[in-house]
Amino acid sequence: GGYKKNARISSFLASFPAHAPQYVLLVMID
């Protein structure tokens, strides 16, 4: 019911190629 102290999920969303995106990548680190 609350937030766990010092526990996070870090994420980053990328698309490529930059000049004409065709693919998307999501990286999540627990």
ModelCIF file with pLDDT and N, C-alpha, C, O atoms, coordinates in Angstrom:
data_MODEL
#
_entry.id   MODEL 
#
_entity.id                         1 
_entity.type                       polymer 
_entity.pdbx_number_of_molecules   1 
#
_entity_poly.entity_id                      1 
_entity_poly.type                           'polypeptide(L)' 
_entity_poly.nstd_linkage                   no 
_entity_poly.nstd_monomer                   no 
_entity_poly.pdbx_seq_one_letter_code       GGYKKNARISSFLASFPAHAPQYVLLVMID 
_entity_poly.pdbx_seq_one_letter_code_can   GGYKKNARISSFLASFPAHAPQYVLLVMID 
_entity_poly.pdbx_strand_id                 A 
#
loop_
_entity_poly_seq.entity_id 
_entity_poly_seq.num 
_entity_poly_seq.mon_id 
_entity_poly_seq.hetero 
1 1  GLY n 
1 2  GLY n 
1 3  TYR n 
1 4  LYS n 
1 5  LYS n 
1 6  ASN n 
1 7  ALA n 
1 8  ARG n 
1 9  ILE n 
1 10 SER n 
1 11 SER n 
1 12 PHE n 
1 13 LEU n 
1 14 ALA n 
1 15 SER n 
1 16 PHE n 
1 17 PRO n 
1 18 ALA n 
1 19 HIS n 
1 20 ALA n 
1 21 PRO n 
1 22 GLN n 
1 23 TYR n 
1 24 VAL n 
1 25 LEU n 
1 26 LEU n 
1 27 VAL n 
1 28 MET n 
1 29 ILE n 
1 30 ASP n 
#
_struct_asym.id          A 
_struct_asym.entity_id   1 
#
loop_
_ma_qa_metric.id 
_ma_qa_metric.mode 
_ma_qa_metric.name 
_ma_qa_metric.software_group_id 
_ma_qa_metric.type 
1 global pLDDT . pLDDT 
2 local  pLDDT . pLDDT 
#
_ma_qa_metric_global.metric_id      1 
_ma_qa_metric_global.metric_value   91.60 
_ma_qa_metric_global.model_id       1 
_ma_qa_metric_global.ordinal_id     1 
#
loop_
_ma_qa_metric_local.label_asym_id 
_ma_qa_metric_local.label_comp_id 
_ma_qa_metric_local.label_seq_id 
_ma_qa_metric_local.metric_id 
_ma_qa_metric_local.metric_value 
_ma_qa_metric_local.model_id 
_ma_qa_metric_local.ordinal_id 
A GLY 1  2 87.00 1 1  
A GLY 2  2 91.00 1 2  
A TYR 3  2 91.00 1 3  
A LYS 4  2 89.00 1 4  
A LYS 5  2 83.00 1 5  
A ASN 6  2 81.00 1 6  
A ALA 7  2 88.00 1 7  
A ARG 8  2 90.00 1 8  
A ILE 9  2 93.00 1 9  
A SER 10 2 93.00 1 10 
A SER 11 2 95.00 1 11 
A PHE 12 2 96.00 1 12 
A LEU 13 2 96.00 1 13 
A ALA 14 2 95.00 1 14 
A SER 15 2 94.00 1 15 
A PHE 16 2 93.00 1 16 
A PRO 17 2 91.00 1 17 
A ALA 18 2 84.00 1 18 
A HIS 19 2 81.00 1 19 
A ALA 20 2 86.00 1 20 
A PRO 21 2 92.00 1 21 
A GLN 22 2 94.00 1 22 
A TYR 23 2 96.00 1 23 
A VAL 24 2 96.00 1 24 
A LEU 25 2 96.00 1 25 
A LEU 26 2 97.00 1 26 
A VAL 27 2 96.00 1 27 
A MET 28 2 96.00 1 28 
A ILE 29 2 94.00 1 29 
A ASP 30 2 94.00 1 30 
#
loop_
_atom_site.group_PDB 
_atom_site.id 
_atom_site.type_symbol 
_atom_site.label_atom_id 
_atom_site.label_alt_id 
_atom_site.label_comp_id 
_atom_site.label_asym_id 
_atom_site.label_entity_id 
_atom_site.label_seq_id 
_atom_site.pdbx_PDB_ins_code 
_atom_site.Cartn_x 
_atom_site.Cartn_y 
_atom_site.Cartn_z 
_atom_site.occupancy 
_atom_site.B_iso_or_equiv 
_atom_site.pdbx_formal_charge 
_atom_site.auth_seq_id 
_atom_site.auth_comp_id 
_atom_site.auth_asym_id 
_atom_site.auth_atom_id 
_atom_site.pdbx_PDB_model_num 
ATOM 1   N N  . GLY A 1 1  ? 0.786  -1.224 0.000   1.00 87.00 ? 1  GLY A N  1 
ATOM 2   C CA . GLY A 1 1  ? 0.000  0.000  0.000   1.00 87.00 ? 1  GLY A CA 1 
ATOM 3   C C  . GLY A 1 1  ? 0.822  1.281  0.000   1.00 87.00 ? 1  GLY A C  1 
ATOM 4   O O  . GLY A 1 1  ? 0.259  2.373  0.066   1.00 87.00 ? 1  GLY A O  1 
ATOM 5   N N  . GLY A 1 2  ? 2.128  1.168  -0.072  1.00 91.00 ? 2  GLY A N  1 
ATOM 6   C CA . GLY A 1 2  ? 3.001  2.342  -0.128  1.00 91.00 ? 2  GLY A CA 1 
ATOM 7   C C  . GLY A 1 2  ? 4.170  2.069  -1.045  1.00 91.00 ? 2  GLY A C  1 
ATOM 8   O O  . GLY A 1 2  ? 4.133  1.157  -1.870  1.00 91.00 ? 2  GLY A O  1 
ATOM 9   N N  . TYR A 1 3  ? 5.198  2.862  -0.892  1.00 91.00 ? 3  TYR A N  1 
ATOM 10  C CA . TYR A 1 3  ? 6.382  2.682  -1.719  1.00 91.00 ? 3  TYR A CA 1 
ATOM 11  C C  . TYR A 1 3  ? 7.490  2.019  -0.909  1.00 91.00 ? 3  TYR A C  1 
ATOM 12  O O  . TYR A 1 3  ? 7.718  2.360  0.252   1.00 91.00 ? 3  TYR A O  1 
ATOM 13  N N  . LYS A 1 4  ? 8.159  1.089  -1.525  1.00 89.00 ? 4  LYS A N  1 
ATOM 14  C CA . LYS A 1 4  ? 9.271  0.381  -0.898  1.00 89.00 ? 4  LYS A CA 1 
ATOM 15  C C  . LYS A 1 4  ? 10.481 1.318  -0.881  1.00 89.00 ? 4  LYS A C  1 
ATOM 16  O O  . LYS A 1 4  ? 10.850 1.889  -1.907  1.00 89.00 ? 4  LYS A O  1 
ATOM 17  N N  . LYS A 1 5  ? 11.076 1.465  0.264   1.00 83.00 ? 5  LYS A N  1 
ATOM 18  C CA . LYS A 1 5  ? 12.203 2.388  0.401   1.00 83.00 ? 5  LYS A CA 1 
ATOM 19  C C  . LYS A 1 5  ? 13.414 1.872  -0.372  1.00 83.00 ? 5  LYS A C  1 
ATOM 20  O O  . LYS A 1 5  ? 13.795 0.708  -0.244  1.00 83.00 ? 5  LYS A O  1 
ATOM 21  N N  . ASN A 1 6  ? 14.008 2.743  -1.167  1.00 81.00 ? 6  ASN A N  1 
ATOM 22  C CA . ASN A 1 6  ? 15.217 2.453  -1.945  1.00 81.00 ? 6  ASN A CA 1 
ATOM 23  C C  . ASN A 1 6  ? 15.064 1.278  -2.917  1.00 81.00 ? 6  ASN A C  1 
ATOM 24  O O  . ASN A 1 6  ? 16.027 0.553  -3.167  1.00 81.00 ? 6  ASN A O  1 
ATOM 25  N N  . ALA A 1 7  ? 13.875 1.090  -3.459  1.00 88.00 ? 7  ALA A N  1 
ATOM 26  C CA . ALA A 1 7  ? 13.643 0.059  -4.474  1.00 88.00 ? 7  ALA A CA 1 
ATOM 27  C C  . ALA A 1 7  ? 13.013 0.736  -5.686  1.00 88.00 ? 7  ALA A C  1 
ATOM 28  O O  . ALA A 1 7  ? 11.937 1.327  -5.587  1.00 88.00 ? 7  ALA A O  1 
ATOM 29  N N  . ARG A 1 8  ? 13.680 0.646  -6.813  1.00 90.00 ? 8  ARG A N  1 
ATOM 30  C CA . ARG A 1 8  ? 13.228 1.337  -8.025  1.00 90.00 ? 8  ARG A CA 1 
ATOM 31  C C  . ARG A 1 8  ? 13.325 0.439  -9.242  1.00 90.00 ? 8  ARG A C  1 
ATOM 32  O O  . ARG A 1 8  ? 13.985 -0.600 -9.230  1.00 90.00 ? 8  ARG A O  1 
ATOM 33  N N  . ILE A 1 9  ? 12.651 0.871  -10.287 1.00 93.00 ? 9  ILE A N  1 
ATOM 34  C CA . ILE A 1 9  ? 12.823 0.299  -11.615 1.00 93.00 ? 9  ILE A CA 1 
ATOM 35  C C  . ILE A 1 9  ? 13.261 1.452  -12.508 1.00 93.00 ? 9  ILE A C  1 
ATOM 36  O O  . ILE A 1 9  ? 12.562 2.460  -12.612 1.00 93.00 ? 9  ILE A O  1 
ATOM 37  N N  . SER A 1 10 ? 14.400 1.308  -13.142 1.00 93.00 ? 10 SER A N  1 
ATOM 38  C CA . SER A 1 10 ? 14.890 2.328  -14.071 1.00 93.00 ? 10 SER A CA 1 
ATOM 39  C C  . SER A 1 10 ? 14.616 1.851  -15.488 1.00 93.00 ? 10 SER A C  1 
ATOM 40  O O  . SER A 1 10 ? 14.808 0.678  -15.808 1.00 93.00 ? 10 SER A O  1 
ATOM 41  N N  . SER A 1 11 ? 14.163 2.773  -16.336 1.00 95.00 ? 11 SER A N  1 
ATOM 42  C CA . SER A 1 11 ? 13.836 2.373  -17.701 1.00 95.00 ? 11 SER A CA 1 
ATOM 43  C C  . SER A 1 11 ? 14.298 3.430  -18.698 1.00 95.00 ? 11 SER A C  1 
ATOM 44  O O  . SER A 1 11 ? 14.523 4.592  -18.360 1.00 95.00 ? 11 SER A O  1 
ATOM 45  N N  . PHE A 1 12 ? 14.427 2.973  -19.938 1.00 96.00 ? 12 PHE A N  1 
ATOM 46  C CA . PHE A 1 12 ? 14.809 3.861  -21.031 1.00 96.00 ? 12 PHE A CA 1 
ATOM 47  C C  . PHE A 1 12 ? 14.161 3.333  -22.305 1.00 96.00 ? 12 PHE A C  1 
ATOM 48  O O  . PHE A 1 12 ? 14.254 2.142  -22.602 1.00 96.00 ? 12 PHE A O  1 
ATOM 49  N N  . LEU A 1 13 ? 13.511 4.203  -23.050 1.00 96.00 ? 13 LEU A N  1 
ATOM 50  C CA . LEU A 1 13 ? 12.847 3.850  -24.299 1.00 96.00 ? 13 LEU A CA 1 
ATOM 51  C C  . LEU A 1 13 ? 13.631 4.468  -25.450 1.00 96.00 ? 13 LEU A C  1 
ATOM 52  O O  . LEU A 1 13 ? 13.878 5.674  -25.464 1.00 96.00 ? 13 LEU A O  1 
ATOM 53  N N  . ALA A 1 14 ? 14.018 3.645  -26.408 1.00 95.00 ? 14 ALA A N  1 
ATOM 54  C CA . ALA A 1 14 ? 14.808 4.116  -27.547 1.00 95.00 ? 14 ALA A CA 1 
ATOM 55  C C  . ALA A 1 14 ? 14.150 3.678  -28.847 1.00 95.00 ? 14 ALA A C  1 
ATOM 56  O O  . ALA A 1 14 ? 13.456 2.662  -28.893 1.00 95.00 ? 14 ALA A O  1 
ATOM 57  N N  . SER A 1 15 ? 14.371 4.446  -29.889 1.00 94.00 ? 15 SER A N  1 
ATOM 58  C CA . SER A 1 15 ? 13.940 4.046  -31.236 1.00 94.00 ? 15 SER A CA 1 
ATOM 59  C C  . SER A 1 15 ? 15.147 4.174  -32.157 1.00 94.00 ? 15 SER A C  1 
ATOM 60  O O  . SER A 1 15 ? 16.038 4.994  -31.934 1.00 94.00 ? 15 SER A O  1 
ATOM 61  N N  . PHE A 1 16 ? 15.152 3.344  -33.195 1.00 93.00 ? 16 PHE A N  1 
ATOM 62  C CA . PHE A 1 16 ? 16.265 3.387  -34.140 1.00 93.00 ? 16 PHE A CA 1 
ATOM 63  C C  . PHE A 1 16 ? 15.816 2.866  -35.480 1.00 93.00 ? 16 PHE A C  1 
ATOM 64  O O  . PHE A 1 16 ? 14.848 2.108  -35.543 1.00 93.00 ? 16 PHE A O  1 
ATOM 65  N N  . PRO A 1 17 ? 16.491 3.248  -36.572 1.00 91.00 ? 17 PRO A N  1 
ATOM 66  C CA . PRO A 1 17 ? 17.541 4.273  -36.670 1.00 91.00 ? 17 PRO A CA 1 
ATOM 67  C C  . PRO A 1 17 ? 16.963 5.664  -36.431 1.00 91.00 ? 17 PRO A C  1 
ATOM 68  O O  . PRO A 1 17 ? 15.784 5.903  -36.691 1.00 91.00 ? 17 PRO A O  1 
ATOM 69  N N  . ALA A 1 18 ? 17.772 6.558  -35.949 1.00 84.00 ? 18 ALA A N  1 
ATOM 70  C CA . ALA A 1 18 ? 17.309 7.881  -35.525 1.00 84.00 ? 18 ALA A CA 1 
ATOM 71  C C  . ALA A 1 18 ? 16.691 8.688  -36.666 1.00 84.00 ? 18 ALA A C  1 
ATOM 72  O O  . ALA A 1 18 ? 15.721 9.412  -36.446 1.00 84.00 ? 18 ALA A O  1 
ATOM 73  N N  . HIS A 1 19 ? 17.230 8.577  -37.873 1.00 81.00 ? 19 HIS A N  1 
ATOM 74  C CA . HIS A 1 19 ? 16.747 9.392  -38.987 1.00 81.00 ? 19 HIS A CA 1 
ATOM 75  C C  . HIS A 1 19 ? 15.445 8.864  -39.581 1.00 81.00 ? 19 HIS A C  1 
ATOM 76  O O  . HIS A 1 19 ? 14.749 9.611  -40.269 1.00 81.00 ? 19 HIS A O  1 
ATOM 77  N N  . ALA A 1 20 ? 15.097 7.610  -39.340 1.00 86.00 ? 20 ALA A N  1 
ATOM 78  C CA . ALA A 1 20 ? 13.851 7.020  -39.852 1.00 86.00 ? 20 ALA A CA 1 
ATOM 79  C C  . ALA A 1 20 ? 13.482 5.845  -38.943 1.00 86.00 ? 20 ALA A C  1 
ATOM 80  O O  . ALA A 1 20 ? 13.674 4.689  -39.318 1.00 86.00 ? 20 ALA A O  1 
ATOM 81  N N  . PRO A 1 21 ? 12.958 6.135  -37.760 1.00 92.00 ? 21 PRO A N  1 
ATOM 82  C CA . PRO A 1 21 ? 12.721 5.067  -36.780 1.00 92.00 ? 21 PRO A CA 1 
ATOM 83  C C  . PRO A 1 21 ? 11.838 3.942  -37.322 1.00 92.00 ? 21 PRO A C  1 
ATOM 84  O O  . PRO A 1 21 ? 10.789 4.179  -37.920 1.00 92.00 ? 21 PRO A O  1 
ATOM 85  N N  . GLN A 1 22 ? 12.296 2.723  -37.093 1.00 94.00 ? 22 GLN A N  1 
ATOM 86  C CA . GLN A 1 22 ? 11.553 1.534  -37.485 1.00 94.00 ? 22 GLN A CA 1 
ATOM 87  C C  . GLN A 1 22 ? 11.374 0.575  -36.317 1.00 94.00 ? 22 GLN A C  1 
ATOM 88  O O  . GLN A 1 22 ? 10.481 -0.272 -36.336 1.00 94.00 ? 22 GLN A O  1 
ATOM 89  N N  . TYR A 1 23 ? 12.215 0.707  -35.308 1.00 96.00 ? 23 TYR A N  1 
ATOM 90  C CA . TYR A 1 23 ? 12.207 -0.213 -34.178 1.00 96.00 ? 23 TYR A CA 1 
ATOM 91  C C  . TYR A 1 23 ? 12.179 0.573  -32.873 1.00 96.00 ? 23 TYR A C  1 
ATOM 92  O O  . TYR A 1 23 ? 12.698 1.687  -32.788 1.00 96.00 ? 23 TYR A O  1 
ATOM 93  N N  . VAL A 1 24 ? 11.567 -0.026 -31.867 1.00 96.00 ? 24 VAL A N  1 
ATOM 94  C CA . VAL A 1 24 ? 11.508 0.561  -30.534 1.00 96.00 ? 24 VAL A CA 1 
ATOM 95  C C  . VAL A 1 24 ? 12.067 -0.458 -29.549 1.00 96.00 ? 24 VAL A C  1 
ATOM 96  O O  . VAL A 1 24 ? 11.793 -1.653 -29.659 1.00 96.00 ? 24 VAL A O  1 
ATOM 97  N N  . LEU A 1 25 ? 12.837 0.009  -28.604 1.00 96.00 ? 25 LEU A N  1 
ATOM 98  C CA . LEU A 1 25 ? 13.439 -0.852 -27.594 1.00 96.00 ? 25 LEU A CA 1 
ATOM 99  C C  . LEU A 1 25 ? 13.170 -0.252 -26.218 1.00 96.00 ? 25 LEU A C  1 
ATOM 100 O O  . LEU A 1 25 ? 13.442 0.925  -25.981 1.00 96.00 ? 25 LEU A O  1 
ATOM 101 N N  . LEU A 1 26 ? 12.634 -1.068 -25.316 1.00 97.00 ? 26 LEU A N  1 
ATOM 102 C CA . LEU A 1 26 ? 12.431 -0.652 -23.933 1.00 97.00 ? 26 LEU A CA 1 
ATOM 103 C C  . LEU A 1 26 ? 13.357 -1.482 -23.056 1.00 97.00 ? 26 LEU A C  1 
ATOM 104 O O  . LEU A 1 26 ? 13.316 -2.712 -23.080 1.00 97.00 ? 26 LEU A O  1 
ATOM 105 N N  . VAL A 1 27 ? 14.190 -0.799 -22.284 1.00 96.00 ? 27 VAL A N  1 
ATOM 106 C CA . VAL A 1 27 ? 15.077 -1.468 -21.339 1.00 96.00 ? 27 VAL A CA 1 
ATOM 107 C C  . VAL A 1 27 ? 14.615 -1.088 -19.940 1.00 96.00 ? 27 VAL A C  1 
ATOM 108 O O  . VAL A 1 27 ? 14.511 0.093  -19.608 1.00 96.00 ? 27 VAL A O  1 
ATOM 109 N N  . MET A 1 28 ? 14.339 -2.104 -19.119 1.00 96.00 ? 28 MET A N  1 
ATOM 110 C CA . MET A 1 28 ? 13.945 -1.886 -17.729 1.00 96.00 ? 28 MET A CA 1 
ATOM 111 C C  . MET A 1 28 ? 14.913 -2.650 -16.833 1.00 96.00 ? 28 MET A C  1 
ATOM 112 O O  . MET A 1 28 ? 15.191 -3.827 -17.064 1.00 96.00 ? 28 MET A O  1 
ATOM 113 N N  . ILE A 1 29 ? 15.420 -1.972 -15.813 1.00 94.00 ? 29 ILE A N  1 
ATOM 114 C CA . ILE A 1 29 ? 16.352 -2.598 -14.889 1.00 94.00 ? 29 ILE A CA 1 
ATOM 115 C C  . ILE A 1 29 ? 15.710 -2.566 -13.500 1.00 94.00 ? 29 ILE A C  1 
ATOM 116 O O  . ILE A 1 29 ? 15.385 -1.506 -12.967 1.00 94.00 ? 29 ILE A O  1 
ATOM 117 N N  . ASP A 1 30 ? 15.540 -3.759 -12.936 1.00 94.00 ? 30 ASP A N  1 
ATOM 118 C CA . ASP A 1 30 ? 14.888 -3.909 -11.649 1.00 94.00 ? 30 ASP A CA 1 
ATOM 119 C C  . ASP A 1 30 ? 15.895 -3.702 -10.517 1.00 94.00 ? 30 ASP A C  1 
ATOM 120 O O  . ASP A 1 30 ? 15.531 -3.789 -9.344  1.00 94.00 ? 30 ASP A O  1 
#
